[in-house]
Amino acid sequence: MLTYELQCCKYLSLYRHIRNDILSGKLKAGEKLPSKRTLAENLSVSVITVQTAYEQLLAEGYIRSEPRSGYFVEDVNVQFYGEKTAALPERAEQKKFTADFVHGAPPAELFPFSVWARLMRGVLSDCGAHLLERVPCDGDPELKSAVAGYLYRARGIDVDPRLVVIGAGAEYLYGVIVQLLGRDKIFALENPGYNKIYNTYKLNGAECRFVNVGANGVDPEELEKTGADVLHFSPSHQFPTGAVTPMGSRAKIINWARSRGAYVIEDDYDSEFRLSGKPLQCAFGLGADRVIYMNTFSKSLAPSMRLGYMVLPAALYEKYLSLFGSSACVVPLFEQKTLAKLIDGGYFERHLNRLKNYYRGVRQTLCERAGKFKGVTLEDSGSGLHMIANIPSLTDGEIKRLAAARGINVKCVSDYLFAPVEGAGGKAVLNYSGVTAEQINRI
């Protein structure tokens, strides 16, 4: 006889008890279950409760009903481990550092929370039910137009808003690009370079080859030797070396792309943070027919927003629509509308000016502090939010051990190598996007 202590005497609890007994083998295949009335009396519940539980078990195939005979257990041959899945190991807590030169995000106190909240309320009021509609595959037209306007003001490039594609951050867009250009294409990547670019392309089935980065960025002659069909590079501020590709080399790369029928992906990941002088001209401005321009709002607003965009050549945009036209944009319309208002209202650029002033102070403090350490020289192009500390007297292992002893998290250029490069040792990468002047002074 089945005997269960049922909390609240609900049919769902009874159903789960019987189901678990079947799966665990306590109730054997072919075994007859008590009648509805008998079990109801035994458990002091209503017949309706038992009947509803039996009907659910019957619908899912745990039991069968035989006319004038009753209910019988079906043969459910499965190794059952109970309701809960196997426990996962606990994630290690992220270590706290005196200064973290590896990970970083804009300071929370500088995020325009009040403006963002006001704009969100405005979007709710103005858009209403429109926010519940399906978003076009390439993003909301209002945000596409806002991005195009911003690129003209900030980067000096004239972009047709229709060619802007909105996506959920850089890694998502990398995957889209592989599908757009084809997994049969060979992608040339900078060496050293950002690990996530390589990992995402490989995950999406692309073959990757590497071009060494020198003082002048990617060497066009070395690029030609790779046999690549696509080049992914950051000409305005390469990560991690900080190299800037001069205009002559950019022109040769564009010519290479045109002659080969190749494409260039210009990853302008931190172009907003040119802290001295005016922003450098984009490679996109030299060859909009062969360049895919891309950027995100991770460094300018917050990594958690997962908002990025790319500008496609016209021919690729048509192909994008043919591949993804039946899909919806993965970025919620609410966030897209709010960001569009932030950009169009001038709030985004004012926010960037505050951030740049803040980072100029951090950068100056870092330069002054580094100057007090004997044998340390800095390589800083004035762009972006990281620089290189040259410490030729130490090995990379020694640099990281000495830094760790002071509570400093740091990586070296060699940590970003995909293939050996001569002269890469003794160079620490100082990403100061998440470090305060006060932390630097405590080093």
Protein backbone atom coordinates (compact mmCIF):
# COMPACT_ATOMS: atom_id res chain seq x y z
CA MET A 1 0.00 0.00 0.00
CA LEU A 2 1.26 3.44 -0.91
CA THR A 3 1.67 5.69 2.11
CA TYR A 4 2.81 9.29 1.67
CA GLU A 5 2.89 12.23 4.02
CA LEU A 6 1.64 15.00 1.73
CA GLN A 7 2.22 18.61 2.64
CA CYS A 8 -0.93 20.56 1.80
CA CYS A 9 -2.39 17.34 0.25
CA LYS A 10 -2.06 18.69 -3.32
CA TYR A 11 -2.26 16.48 -6.38
CA LEU A 12 1.13 17.77 -7.61
CA SER A 13 2.86 16.52 -4.49
CA LEU A 14 1.22 13.10 -4.85
CA TYR A 15 2.13 12.98 -8.54
CA ARG A 16 5.79 13.72 -7.75
CA HIS A 17 5.97 11.09 -4.99
CA ILE A 18 4.58 8.34 -7.23
CA ARG A 19 6.68 9.43 -10.22
CA ASN A 20 9.89 9.40 -8.15
CA ASP A 21 9.05 5.94 -6.75
CA ILE A 22 8.62 4.66 -10.30
CA LEU A 23 11.87 6.20 -11.51
CA SER A 24 13.85 5.01 -8.49
CA GLY A 25 12.53 1.45 -8.79
CA LYS A 26 10.50 1.40 -5.58
CA LEU A 27 7.46 0.77 -7.72
CA LYS A 28 8.22 -1.99 -10.22
CA ALA A 29 7.08 -2.25 -13.84
CA GLY A 30 3.70 -4.02 -13.97
CA GLU A 31 2.90 -3.37 -10.30
CA LYS A 32 -0.72 -2.43 -9.68
CA LEU A 33 -1.47 0.88 -8.00
CA PRO A 34 -4.17 1.25 -5.34
CA SER A 35 -7.58 2.28 -6.55
CA LYS A 36 -8.38 5.98 -6.43
CA ARG A 37 -10.80 5.56 -3.55
CA THR A 38 -8.48 3.31 -1.52
CA LEU A 39 -5.50 5.66 -1.89
CA ALA A 40 -7.67 8.69 -1.13
CA GLU A 41 -8.88 7.11 2.12
CA ASN A 42 -5.36 6.01 3.05
CA LEU A 43 -3.93 9.52 2.56
CA SER A 44 -6.98 11.38 3.84
CA VAL A 45 -7.34 13.33 0.61
CA SER A 46 -10.16 13.67 -1.87
CA VAL A 47 -10.70 11.20 -4.68
CA ILE A 48 -10.38 14.13 -7.10
CA THR A 49 -6.83 14.78 -5.83
CA VAL A 50 -5.80 11.16 -6.51
CA GLN A 51 -7.60 11.10 -9.85
CA THR A 52 -5.83 14.28 -11.02
CA ALA A 53 -2.43 12.86 -9.98
CA TYR A 54 -3.13 9.57 -11.78
CA GLU A 55 -4.27 11.39 -14.93
CA GLN A 56 -1.01 13.38 -15.02
CA LEU A 57 1.05 10.19 -14.60
CA LEU A 58 -1.05 8.53 -17.30
CA ALA A 59 -0.55 11.45 -19.70
CA GLU A 60 3.24 11.33 -19.24
CA GLY A 61 3.42 7.56 -19.68
CA TYR A 62 4.47 6.57 -16.17
CA ILE A 63 1.40 4.38 -15.68
CA ARG A 64 -1.26 2.74 -17.86
CA SER A 65 -4.96 2.18 -17.33
CA GLU A 66 -6.56 -1.20 -17.98
CA PRO A 67 -10.38 -1.31 -18.18
CA ARG A 68 -12.01 -2.87 -15.09
CA SER A 69 -8.54 -3.71 -13.72
CA GLY A 70 -7.10 -0.39 -12.58
CA TYR A 71 -3.76 1.41 -12.96
CA PHE A 72 -0.41 -0.31 -13.50
CA VAL A 73 3.21 0.93 -13.52
CA GLU A 74 4.81 1.20 -16.96
CA ASP A 75 8.36 0.03 -17.69
CA VAL A 76 10.44 3.20 -17.37
CA ASN A 77 14.03 1.98 -17.58
CA VAL A 78 16.20 4.97 -16.67
CA GLN A 79 18.98 5.57 -14.18
CA PHE A 80 17.36 8.07 -11.82
CA TYR A 81 19.38 10.42 -9.62
CA GLY A 82 16.53 12.31 -8.04
CA GLU A 83 15.01 15.73 -8.66
CA LYS A 84 18.21 17.74 -8.28
CA THR A 85 20.97 17.80 -10.86
CA ALA A 86 24.51 16.97 -9.86
CA ALA A 87 26.04 19.72 -7.78
CA LEU A 88 28.49 21.97 -9.58
CA PRO A 89 31.71 23.05 -7.91
CA GLU A 90 31.54 26.45 -6.30
CA ARG A 91 33.00 29.24 -8.37
CA ALA A 92 36.08 30.76 -6.87
CA GLU A 93 35.48 34.31 -5.70
CA GLN A 94 37.22 36.92 -7.79
CA LYS A 95 40.34 37.97 -5.99
CA LYS A 96 40.54 41.53 -4.73
CA PHE A 97 43.59 43.49 -5.82
CA THR A 98 45.20 46.72 -4.74
CA ALA A 99 45.15 47.57 -8.44
CA ASP A 100 43.79 45.45 -11.30
CA PHE A 101 45.45 46.24 -14.64
CA VAL A 102 43.79 43.30 -16.42
CA HIS A 103 40.05 43.78 -15.98
CA GLY A 104 38.35 47.12 -16.08
CA ALA A 105 35.13 49.04 -16.63
CA PRO A 106 34.11 52.70 -16.45
CA PRO A 107 33.59 53.89 -12.86
CA ALA A 108 29.99 53.41 -11.77
CA GLU A 109 29.83 56.87 -10.22
CA LEU A 110 30.31 58.42 -13.67
CA PHE A 111 27.50 56.50 -15.34
CA PRO A 112 24.60 58.90 -16.15
CA PHE A 113 22.02 57.02 -14.07
CA SER A 114 19.60 59.91 -13.66
CA VAL A 115 19.64 60.72 -17.38
CA TRP A 116 19.29 57.06 -18.34
CA ALA A 117 16.34 56.62 -15.96
CA ARG A 118 14.60 59.72 -17.30
CA LEU A 119 15.10 58.61 -20.89
CA MET A 120 13.74 55.14 -20.06
CA ARG A 121 10.58 56.68 -18.62
CA GLY A 122 10.28 58.78 -21.77
CA VAL A 123 10.63 55.71 -23.98
CA LEU A 124 7.89 53.91 -22.03
CA SER A 125 5.63 56.92 -22.34
CA ASP A 126 6.32 57.62 -26.02
CA CYS A 127 6.56 54.10 -27.43
CA GLY A 128 4.09 52.11 -25.35
CA ALA A 129 2.92 48.97 -27.15
CA HIS A 130 5.54 49.47 -29.89
CA LEU A 131 8.14 48.15 -27.41
CA LEU A 132 6.44 44.75 -27.58
CA GLU A 133 6.84 44.44 -31.33
CA ARG A 134 9.42 42.32 -33.13
CA VAL A 135 12.71 44.16 -33.70
CA PRO A 136 14.14 44.10 -37.26
CA CYS A 137 17.16 41.81 -37.67
CA ASP A 138 19.58 44.74 -38.08
CA GLY A 139 18.24 46.78 -35.18
CA ASP A 140 15.88 49.67 -34.52
CA PRO A 141 16.02 52.34 -37.26
CA GLU A 142 16.13 55.09 -34.63
CA LEU A 143 19.29 53.70 -33.04
CA LYS A 144 20.86 52.98 -36.46
CA SER A 145 20.33 56.62 -37.39
CA ALA A 146 21.71 57.83 -34.05
CA VAL A 147 24.87 55.72 -34.46
CA ALA A 148 25.39 57.02 -38.01
CA GLY A 149 25.06 60.61 -36.80
CA TYR A 150 27.50 60.00 -33.96
CA LEU A 151 30.07 58.43 -36.30
CA TYR A 152 29.91 61.49 -38.55
CA ARG A 153 30.44 63.88 -35.63
CA ALA A 154 33.04 61.86 -33.75
CA ARG A 155 34.90 59.89 -36.42
CA GLY A 156 34.30 61.99 -39.52
CA ILE A 157 32.79 59.16 -41.58
CA ASP A 158 29.60 59.53 -43.59
CA VAL A 159 27.56 56.38 -43.02
CA ASP A 160 24.24 55.38 -44.54
CA PRO A 161 22.15 54.48 -41.46
CA ARG A 162 20.69 51.50 -43.31
CA LEU A 163 24.13 49.84 -43.35
CA VAL A 164 24.43 49.92 -39.54
CA VAL A 165 23.74 46.57 -37.84
CA ILE A 166 23.05 46.47 -34.09
CA GLY A 167 24.21 43.42 -32.09
CA ALA A 168 24.73 42.13 -28.55
CA GLY A 169 28.37 43.10 -28.12
CA ALA A 170 31.59 42.38 -29.98
CA GLU A 171 31.72 38.60 -29.52
CA TYR A 172 28.20 38.22 -30.94
CA LEU A 173 29.14 40.36 -33.95
CA TYR A 174 32.33 38.33 -34.54
CA GLY A 175 30.16 35.23 -34.88
CA VAL A 176 27.80 37.00 -37.29
CA ILE A 177 30.77 38.09 -39.42
CA VAL A 178 32.03 34.51 -39.76
CA GLN A 179 28.60 33.39 -40.97
CA LEU A 180 28.38 36.39 -43.29
CA LEU A 181 31.79 36.00 -44.92
CA GLY A 182 31.85 32.21 -44.76
CA ARG A 183 33.56 29.58 -42.64
CA ASP A 184 35.70 28.65 -45.64
CA LYS A 185 37.51 32.00 -45.45
CA ILE A 186 40.93 32.41 -43.83
CA PHE A 187 41.01 35.11 -41.14
CA ALA A 188 44.25 36.96 -40.43
CA LEU A 189 44.55 38.14 -36.83
CA GLU A 190 47.07 40.41 -35.11
CA ASN A 191 49.80 38.72 -33.07
CA PRO A 192 49.83 39.47 -30.18
CA GLY A 193 46.12 40.11 -29.98
CA TYR A 194 42.89 39.93 -28.04
CA ASN A 195 42.28 36.29 -27.15
CA LYS A 196 38.48 36.47 -27.42
CA ILE A 197 38.68 37.41 -31.10
CA TYR A 198 40.61 34.23 -31.91
CA ASN A 199 38.48 32.07 -29.59
CA THR A 200 35.21 33.31 -31.10
CA TYR A 201 36.36 32.81 -34.69
CA LYS A 202 37.59 29.31 -33.91
CA LEU A 203 34.36 28.49 -32.10
CA ASN A 204 32.49 29.49 -35.26
CA GLY A 205 34.63 27.24 -37.44
CA ALA A 206 36.94 29.80 -39.09
CA GLU A 207 40.60 29.11 -39.91
CA CYS A 208 42.88 31.73 -38.37
CA ARG A 209 46.41 32.79 -39.30
CA PHE A 210 48.53 35.42 -37.64
CA VAL A 211 50.30 38.61 -38.67
CA ASN A 212 52.94 39.96 -36.30
CA VAL A 213 52.37 43.48 -35.00
CA GLY A 214 55.35 45.82 -35.04
CA ALA A 215 55.82 49.44 -34.00
CA ASN A 216 53.70 50.45 -37.01
CA GLY A 217 51.01 47.85 -36.52
CA VAL A 218 50.27 45.26 -39.21
CA ASP A 219 52.85 44.96 -41.97
CA PRO A 220 50.98 44.84 -45.35
CA GLU A 221 53.72 42.71 -46.94
CA GLU A 222 53.51 40.12 -44.18
CA LEU A 223 49.71 40.16 -44.51
CA GLU A 224 49.95 39.19 -48.18
CA LYS A 225 52.05 36.14 -47.29
CA THR A 226 49.30 34.70 -45.07
CA GLY A 227 46.97 33.96 -47.98
CA ALA A 228 44.14 35.34 -45.86
CA ASP A 229 40.73 36.41 -47.18
CA VAL A 230 39.92 38.60 -44.16
CA LEU A 231 42.01 40.82 -41.89
CA HIS A 232 40.79 41.71 -38.39
CA PHE A 233 42.81 44.60 -36.98
CA SER A 234 42.65 47.68 -34.73
CA PRO A 235 44.64 50.34 -36.60
CA SER A 236 43.95 53.24 -34.23
CA HIS A 237 45.13 51.51 -31.04
CA GLN A 238 46.14 47.88 -31.22
CA PHE A 239 45.67 45.61 -28.23
CA PRO A 240 47.87 44.87 -26.41
CA THR A 241 50.86 46.65 -27.98
CA GLY A 242 49.15 50.04 -28.43
CA ALA A 243 50.63 50.34 -31.94
CA VAL A 244 49.04 52.77 -34.40
CA THR A 245 48.98 51.74 -38.06
CA PRO A 246 50.11 54.73 -40.18
CA MET A 247 48.01 55.98 -43.07
CA GLY A 248 50.37 54.59 -45.72
CA SER A 249 50.04 51.07 -44.33
CA ARG A 250 46.27 51.41 -44.06
CA ALA A 251 46.07 52.43 -47.72
CA LYS A 252 48.16 49.39 -48.74
CA ILE A 253 45.88 47.12 -46.70
CA ILE A 254 42.79 48.54 -48.40
CA ASN A 255 44.44 48.03 -51.80
CA TRP A 256 45.29 44.45 -50.80
CA ALA A 257 41.64 43.85 -49.94
CA ARG A 258 40.40 45.26 -53.25
CA SER A 259 42.90 43.34 -55.36
CA ARG A 260 42.15 40.06 -53.58
CA GLY A 261 38.40 40.52 -53.14
CA ALA A 262 39.07 40.36 -49.40
CA TYR A 263 37.51 42.21 -46.49
CA VAL A 264 39.00 44.16 -43.60
CA ILE A 265 37.37 44.23 -40.16
CA GLU A 266 38.26 47.48 -38.43
CA ASP A 267 37.78 46.90 -34.70
CA ASP A 268 37.66 50.44 -33.31
CA TYR A 269 37.11 49.17 -29.77
CA ASP A 270 38.34 52.21 -27.78
CA SER A 271 38.46 55.00 -30.35
CA GLU A 272 36.40 57.28 -28.09
CA PHE A 273 39.34 57.58 -25.72
CA ARG A 274 41.94 59.46 -27.71
CA LEU A 275 43.19 61.44 -24.73
CA SER A 276 45.61 63.71 -26.57
CA GLY A 277 44.93 65.22 -29.98
CA LYS A 278 42.06 64.49 -32.33
CA PRO A 279 40.78 61.00 -33.20
CA LEU A 280 42.65 59.28 -36.02
CA GLN A 281 40.99 58.71 -39.38
CA CYS A 282 39.27 55.36 -39.76
CA ALA A 283 40.35 52.79 -42.32
CA PHE A 284 36.63 52.71 -43.17
CA GLY A 285 36.99 56.23 -44.54
CA LEU A 286 39.56 54.95 -47.06
CA GLY A 287 37.63 51.93 -48.28
CA ALA A 288 33.99 51.68 -47.25
CA ASP A 289 33.48 49.06 -50.00
CA ARG A 290 35.92 46.59 -48.37
CA VAL A 291 35.87 47.53 -44.66
CA ILE A 292 33.53 46.29 -41.93
CA TYR A 293 33.67 48.91 -39.18
CA MET A 294 32.71 47.81 -35.67
CA ASN A 295 32.59 49.15 -32.13
CA THR A 296 30.73 48.61 -28.86
CA PHE A 297 29.50 50.64 -25.89
CA SER A 298 31.27 48.38 -23.36
CA LYS A 299 34.06 50.84 -22.55
CA SER A 300 32.02 54.01 -22.94
CA LEU A 301 28.92 52.94 -20.97
CA ALA A 302 29.14 49.48 -19.34
CA PRO A 303 30.18 45.95 -20.37
CA SER A 304 26.90 44.58 -18.99
CA MET A 305 24.85 46.47 -21.58
CA ARG A 306 25.99 44.07 -24.36
CA LEU A 307 25.43 46.64 -27.08
CA GLY A 308 27.58 46.93 -30.17
CA TYR A 309 27.30 47.75 -33.85
CA MET A 310 28.98 47.26 -37.18
CA VAL A 311 28.77 49.14 -40.48
CA LEU A 312 28.73 46.86 -43.51
CA PRO A 313 29.69 47.53 -47.12
CA ALA A 314 26.50 47.76 -49.22
CA ALA A 315 27.04 44.38 -50.91
CA LEU A 316 27.54 42.62 -47.57
CA TYR A 317 24.49 44.33 -46.10
CA GLU A 318 22.31 42.80 -48.81
CA LYS A 319 23.81 39.40 -48.04
CA TYR A 320 23.22 39.99 -44.31
CA LEU A 321 19.51 40.58 -44.99
CA SER A 322 19.29 37.40 -47.06
CA LEU A 323 20.88 35.36 -44.26
CA PHE A 324 19.35 36.94 -41.17
CA GLY A 325 16.28 38.76 -42.48
CA SER A 326 13.86 36.29 -40.90
CA SER A 327 15.49 36.66 -37.47
CA ALA A 328 14.82 39.32 -34.86
CA CYS A 329 17.55 41.53 -33.40
CA VAL A 330 18.81 40.05 -30.14
CA VAL A 331 19.07 43.43 -28.37
CA PRO A 332 15.78 44.43 -26.66
CA LEU A 333 13.99 47.35 -28.28
CA PHE A 334 13.64 49.14 -24.95
CA GLU A 335 17.43 49.45 -24.57
CA GLN A 336 17.87 50.42 -28.21
CA LYS A 337 15.32 53.23 -27.97
CA THR A 338 16.86 54.53 -24.75
CA LEU A 339 20.39 54.52 -26.19
CA ALA A 340 19.16 56.31 -29.32
CA LYS A 341 17.75 59.09 -27.17
CA LEU A 342 20.99 59.24 -25.16
CA ILE A 343 22.99 59.75 -28.35
CA ASP A 344 20.59 62.06 -30.18
CA GLY A 345 20.10 64.24 -27.11
CA GLY A 346 23.83 64.90 -26.81
CA TYR A 347 24.01 63.15 -23.43
CA PHE A 348 26.32 60.39 -24.68
CA GLU A 349 29.00 62.78 -25.93
CA ARG A 350 28.84 64.84 -22.73
CA HIS A 351 29.26 61.60 -20.79
CA LEU A 352 32.28 60.73 -22.94
CA ASN A 353 33.86 64.11 -22.23
CA ARG A 354 33.52 63.51 -18.48
CA LEU A 355 35.05 60.06 -18.86
CA LYS A 356 37.97 61.37 -20.90
CA ASN A 357 38.72 64.05 -18.33
CA TYR A 358 38.61 61.41 -15.61
CA TYR A 359 40.93 59.05 -17.49
CA ARG A 360 43.37 61.85 -18.28
CA GLY A 361 43.80 62.24 -14.53
CA VAL A 362 44.29 58.49 -14.04
CA ARG A 363 46.76 58.35 -16.93
CA GLN A 364 48.78 61.28 -15.58
CA THR A 365 48.95 59.68 -12.13
CA LEU A 366 50.06 56.39 -13.66
CA CYS A 367 52.82 58.10 -15.66
CA GLU A 368 54.06 59.99 -12.61
CA ARG A 369 54.02 56.89 -10.43
CA ALA A 370 55.78 54.74 -13.04
CA GLY A 371 58.50 57.40 -13.34
CA LYS A 372 59.52 56.72 -9.75
CA PHE A 373 60.49 53.11 -10.52
CA LYS A 374 64.03 52.77 -11.84
CA GLY A 375 64.37 51.10 -15.23
CA VAL A 376 60.68 51.47 -16.15
CA THR A 377 59.69 53.34 -19.32
CA LEU A 378 56.20 53.76 -20.75
CA GLU A 379 54.97 53.41 -24.32
CA ASP A 380 51.86 55.53 -24.72
CA SER A 381 50.35 56.67 -28.02
CA GLY A 382 47.77 58.88 -26.33
CA SER A 383 44.96 56.61 -27.53
CA GLY A 384 42.83 54.18 -25.60
CA LEU A 385 42.93 53.09 -22.00
CA HIS A 386 46.06 50.99 -21.79
CA MET A 387 49.80 51.47 -22.22
CA ILE A 388 52.94 49.34 -22.13
CA ALA A 389 55.47 49.42 -19.30
CA ASN A 390 58.92 48.37 -20.54
CA ILE A 391 60.94 46.62 -17.82
CA PRO A 392 63.83 45.00 -19.73
CA SER A 393 65.70 44.03 -16.58
CA LEU A 394 62.99 41.56 -15.56
CA THR A 395 61.47 38.46 -17.13
CA ASP A 396 57.72 38.29 -17.57
CA GLY A 397 57.47 35.79 -14.72
CA GLU A 398 59.39 38.11 -12.42
CA ILE A 399 57.21 41.07 -13.40
CA LYS A 400 54.03 39.20 -12.48
CA ARG A 401 55.46 37.75 -9.25
CA LEU A 402 56.67 41.14 -8.02
CA ALA A 403 53.35 42.71 -8.98
CA ALA A 404 51.39 40.00 -7.17
CA ALA A 405 53.44 40.58 -4.04
CA ARG A 406 52.17 44.19 -4.07
CA GLY A 407 48.58 43.09 -4.71
CA ILE A 408 48.72 44.10 -8.38
CA ASN A 409 47.06 42.08 -11.13
CA VAL A 410 48.89 42.49 -14.43
CA LYS A 411 49.58 40.61 -17.65
CA CYS A 412 52.44 40.89 -20.09
CA VAL A 413 52.46 41.19 -23.86
CA SER A 414 53.61 37.57 -24.04
CA ASP A 415 50.30 36.48 -22.46
CA TYR A 416 48.54 37.62 -25.65
CA LEU A 417 50.85 35.89 -28.14
CA PHE A 418 49.45 33.29 -30.53
CA ALA A 419 52.91 32.56 -31.94
CA PRO A 420 56.39 33.52 -30.67
CA VAL A 421 57.56 37.07 -31.43
CA GLU A 422 61.09 38.29 -30.86
CA GLY A 423 61.44 41.09 -28.31
CA ALA A 424 58.04 40.57 -26.66
CA GLY A 425 59.50 39.97 -23.18
CA GLY A 426 59.74 42.47 -20.36
CA LYS A 427 56.59 44.37 -21.38
CA ALA A 428 53.70 44.73 -18.92
CA VAL A 429 50.25 45.72 -20.23
CA LEU A 430 48.71 48.41 -18.03
CA ASN A 431 44.96 48.52 -18.67
CA TYR A 432 43.89 51.42 -16.45
CA SER A 433 40.19 51.54 -17.39
CA GLY A 434 39.20 50.13 -14.00
CA VAL A 435 41.95 51.60 -11.81
CA THR A 436 41.62 54.80 -9.79
CA ALA A 437 44.31 57.41 -9.14
CA GLU A 438 44.08 56.56 -5.43
CA GLN A 439 44.84 52.89 -6.11
CA ILE A 440 47.81 53.82 -8.28
CA ASN A 441 49.27 56.01 -5.56
CA ARG A 442 49.06 53.09 -3.10
CA ILE A 443 51.27 50.90 -5.31
